[in-house]
Structures are given as C-alpha cells and as structure tokens.
C-alpha cells in the first residue's frame, strides 16, 4: 500500500515513536473500515498519512496537519485524502491557535462524514506507543506530554467537546 510505505519512509527512522503511533492508528482504522463502506481504503490511507507532516523532511510551518496535507497535494495524492489529513482530529482549532486557519480553510476542503469521524476516533484512541486509550486518557497524555502552557494543550481545551462528539458518532455507528 502506497500510504503505508510513504509513511514508513518518512517516519520510521526519523520519528520511530510517531511511526508506532501511526501503525496503531492504521490498525484501528482498518478495524473500523466496515463503518465507511467504499471509503475503507481511503480511511486506512488517511490513518497511515495523518501525521506525515511531523517528518523533518516535510515540516514547513510546524503545523503537521497543514504541512502533511500540502506535501500530499504536491506529491499527487488525491485531494480528499489531503483534506482528511488537513482537518484530522480538530485541526481547525490548532490552525486558529497558530494563525493558520485562513491558509487551512482556503487550501483544503473539510468534510464531516463517517470517514472523518472514524479517522478522528482511530487517532484519538491510540496512544503514542500504539496502545489503546480512551479519549480522556489520550487527551490527558497529550496535555502531560506538552505541558500546561503549550499551544497544543491550549487548543485541546477548546477542541475537546467537538472531538468527543465525533468519537460518540463513531461509537454509535459501531453499536448499530
């Protein structure tokens, strides 16, 4: 799979812990694939590529969602995949904190769908070492890792409610 090999190329050696997280997110996305029908391959590809913007070779602005999406677009990946990466896991809140919301919204289309919800679910229930976490455990881990004053911690204070809504929608789809 192109998405897996691309993510591995850019993350495995440079950021091995991030690569472990990405593999866990992709495995979880694969387990959720039945929820998204024809989008199952897109969901798994987005899971493998959602953090590609952390790669030192790809990083430009320091906002991994935007950097990754721009790189995907420049390298011929489909626009919808780039959009899922651009907006994954409440990225609009981080973009606003970084002063990049206009760039994000003018360059990429945001979708609200079972596919985007499943991606957020997979990301935000997978820890940095690929382990399963509840969303609350994942948010606590992020806050602890970044510290109370960091921009990432600040944006999650605003983004927690919409994130939990996306996760609840996915949980309802799983239960159905």
Protein backbone atom coordinates (compact mmCIF):
# COMPACT_ATOMS: atom_id res chain seq x y z
CA UNK A 1 0.00 0.00 0.00
CA UNK A 2 1.41 3.36 -1.08
CA UNK A 3 0.21 5.21 2.03
CA UNK A 4 1.90 2.74 4.38
CA UNK A 5 5.20 2.74 2.53
CA UNK A 6 5.17 6.54 2.26
CA UNK A 7 4.53 6.98 5.97
CA UNK A 8 7.16 4.39 6.84
CA UNK A 9 9.73 6.08 4.60
CA UNK A 10 9.21 9.46 6.24
CA UNK A 11 8.54 8.48 9.85
CA UNK A 12 10.04 5.11 10.80
CA UNK A 13 13.67 6.16 11.08
CA UNK A 14 13.32 9.86 11.85
CA UNK A 15 10.44 9.56 14.33
CA UNK A 16 10.11 5.92 15.43
CA UNK A 17 7.63 6.62 18.23
CA UNK A 18 5.43 8.60 15.84
CA UNK A 19 5.65 5.69 13.38
CA UNK A 20 4.50 3.31 16.13
CA UNK A 21 1.52 5.59 16.83
CA UNK A 22 0.69 5.77 13.12
CA UNK A 23 0.75 1.99 12.77
CA UNK A 24 -1.64 1.69 15.72
CA UNK A 25 -3.97 4.30 14.23
CA UNK A 26 -3.94 2.48 10.88
CA UNK A 27 -4.70 -0.86 12.53
CA UNK A 28 -7.63 0.70 14.36
CA UNK A 29 -8.83 2.38 11.16
CA UNK A 30 -8.72 -1.00 9.43
CA UNK A 31 -10.94 -2.41 12.20
CA UNK A 32 -13.40 0.46 11.61
CA UNK A 33 -13.43 0.09 7.82
CA UNK A 34 -16.85 -1.59 7.76
CA UNK A 35 -18.35 1.68 9.02
CA UNK A 36 -17.32 3.64 5.94
CA UNK A 37 -18.14 1.26 3.08
CA UNK A 38 -16.41 2.26 -0.14
CA UNK A 39 -14.18 4.68 1.79
CA UNK A 40 -12.41 1.88 3.67
CA UNK A 41 -9.17 2.21 1.67
CA UNK A 42 -9.28 5.99 1.99
CA UNK A 43 -9.74 5.73 5.76
CA UNK A 44 -6.75 3.42 6.18
CA UNK A 45 -4.61 5.57 3.86
CA UNK A 46 -5.52 8.69 5.85
CA UNK A 47 -4.65 6.86 9.07
CA UNK A 48 -1.20 5.99 7.75
CA UNK A 49 -0.61 9.54 6.49
CA UNK A 50 -2.31 11.68 9.14
CA UNK A 51 0.98 12.54 10.91
CA UNK A 52 3.30 12.67 7.88
CA UNK A 53 3.65 16.42 8.42
CA UNK A 54 5.79 15.76 11.51
CA UNK A 55 8.55 14.39 9.28
CA UNK A 56 11.59 16.70 9.32
CA UNK A 57 11.72 16.38 5.51
CA UNK A 58 8.13 17.58 5.15
CA UNK A 59 7.73 20.05 8.02
CA UNK A 60 7.37 23.68 6.90
CA UNK A 61 5.07 25.68 9.18
CA UNK A 62 5.28 23.46 12.26
CA UNK A 63 1.57 22.66 11.96
CA UNK A 64 1.72 19.00 10.99
CA UNK A 65 -1.80 18.72 9.59
CA UNK A 66 -1.27 21.55 7.11
CA UNK A 67 2.31 20.57 6.29
CA UNK A 68 1.30 16.97 5.64
CA UNK A 69 -1.70 17.91 3.51
CA UNK A 70 0.35 20.33 1.42
CA UNK A 71 3.00 17.67 0.87
CA UNK A 72 0.39 15.11 -0.13
CA UNK A 73 -1.15 17.54 -2.63
CA UNK A 74 2.26 18.41 -4.14
CA UNK A 75 3.04 14.73 -4.50
CA UNK A 76 -0.13 13.81 -6.38
CA UNK A 77 -2.22 12.22 -3.64
CA UNK A 78 -5.95 12.65 -4.08
CA UNK A 79 -7.47 15.92 -2.79
CA UNK A 80 -9.92 14.18 -0.49
CA UNK A 81 -7.10 12.30 1.25
CA UNK A 82 -5.18 15.56 1.68
CA UNK A 83 -8.32 17.15 3.13
CA UNK A 84 -8.78 14.36 5.66
CA UNK A 85 -5.17 14.82 6.77
CA UNK A 86 -5.51 18.61 6.84
CA UNK A 87 -8.53 18.53 9.15
CA UNK A 88 -7.89 15.42 11.26
CA UNK A 89 -8.62 15.48 14.98
CA UNK A 90 -9.92 19.03 15.35
CA UNK A 91 -7.09 20.58 13.35
CA UNK A 92 -9.10 23.78 12.82
CA UNK A 93 -8.56 24.63 16.48
CA UNK A 94 -4.81 24.20 16.23
CA UNK A 95 -4.77 26.16 12.97
CA UNK A 96 -6.55 29.04 14.73
CA UNK A 97 -4.03 28.98 17.60
CA UNK A 98 -1.17 29.08 15.09
CA UNK A 99 -2.68 31.84 12.94
CA UNK A 100 -3.06 29.41 10.02
CA UNK A 101 -6.83 28.99 9.84
CA UNK A 102 -7.14 31.07 6.66
CA UNK A 103 -4.46 29.01 4.92
CA UNK A 104 -6.06 25.75 6.01
CA UNK A 105 -9.59 26.70 5.01
CA UNK A 106 -8.60 28.25 1.67
CA UNK A 107 -6.37 25.36 0.59
CA UNK A 108 -8.31 22.27 1.66
CA UNK A 109 -11.89 21.11 1.81
CA UNK A 110 -13.21 19.98 5.15
CA UNK A 111 -15.56 17.06 5.26
CA UNK A 112 -17.82 15.92 8.04
CA UNK A 113 -18.53 12.27 7.42
CA UNK A 114 -18.35 8.81 8.90
CA UNK A 115 -14.89 8.60 7.35
CA UNK A 116 -13.55 11.74 9.04
CA UNK A 117 -15.17 10.71 12.33
CA UNK A 118 -13.56 7.25 12.12
CA UNK A 119 -10.14 8.81 11.45
CA UNK A 120 -10.50 11.09 14.48
CA UNK A 121 -11.65 8.11 16.57
CA UNK A 122 -8.68 5.99 15.49
CA UNK A 123 -6.20 8.79 16.18
CA UNK A 124 -7.61 9.90 19.50
CA UNK A 125 -8.00 6.41 20.96
CA UNK A 126 -4.44 5.36 20.09
CA UNK A 127 -1.53 6.40 22.30
CA UNK A 128 1.96 7.43 21.26
CA UNK A 129 3.18 3.84 21.57
CA UNK A 130 0.28 2.39 19.58
CA UNK A 131 -1.67 1.37 22.68
CA UNK A 132 -5.44 1.61 23.04
CA UNK A 133 -6.56 4.53 25.18
CA UNK A 134 -9.88 6.12 25.96
CA UNK A 135 -10.26 9.62 24.51
CA UNK A 136 -9.90 11.03 28.03
CA UNK A 137 -6.66 9.10 28.58
CA UNK A 138 -5.35 10.26 25.21
CA UNK A 139 -6.13 13.90 25.95
CA UNK A 140 -4.52 13.61 29.40
CA UNK A 141 -1.43 12.04 27.80
CA UNK A 142 -1.19 14.87 25.27
CA UNK A 143 -1.58 17.54 27.95
CA UNK A 144 1.08 15.89 30.09
CA UNK A 145 3.49 15.48 27.17
CA UNK A 146 3.18 19.10 26.02
CA UNK A 147 2.71 20.83 29.36
CA UNK A 148 0.08 23.30 30.56
CA UNK A 149 1.29 26.37 28.64
CA UNK A 150 1.89 24.79 25.25
CA UNK A 151 -0.19 25.79 22.22
CA UNK A 152 -1.27 22.16 21.76
CA UNK A 153 -2.65 22.00 25.29
CA UNK A 154 -4.44 25.32 24.76
CA UNK A 155 -6.15 24.25 21.57
CA UNK A 156 -7.35 20.98 23.11
CA UNK A 157 -9.14 22.94 25.82
CA UNK A 158 -11.33 24.36 23.03
CA UNK A 159 -11.43 21.27 20.81
CA UNK A 160 -12.31 18.61 23.36
CA UNK A 161 -16.10 18.85 23.01
CA UNK A 162 -16.22 18.55 19.18
CA UNK A 163 -13.67 15.74 19.33
CA UNK A 164 -15.78 13.79 21.80
CA UNK A 165 -18.85 14.33 19.59
CA UNK A 166 -17.04 12.76 16.60
CA UNK A 167 -15.94 9.86 18.78
CA UNK A 168 -19.50 9.36 20.06
CA UNK A 169 -20.83 9.32 16.49
CA UNK A 170 -18.35 6.57 15.65
CA UNK A 171 -19.24 4.63 18.78
CA UNK A 172 -22.93 4.81 17.78
CA UNK A 173 -22.07 3.51 14.32
CA UNK A 174 -20.13 0.65 15.91
CA UNK A 175 -23.06 -0.23 18.15
CA UNK A 176 -25.59 -0.19 15.27
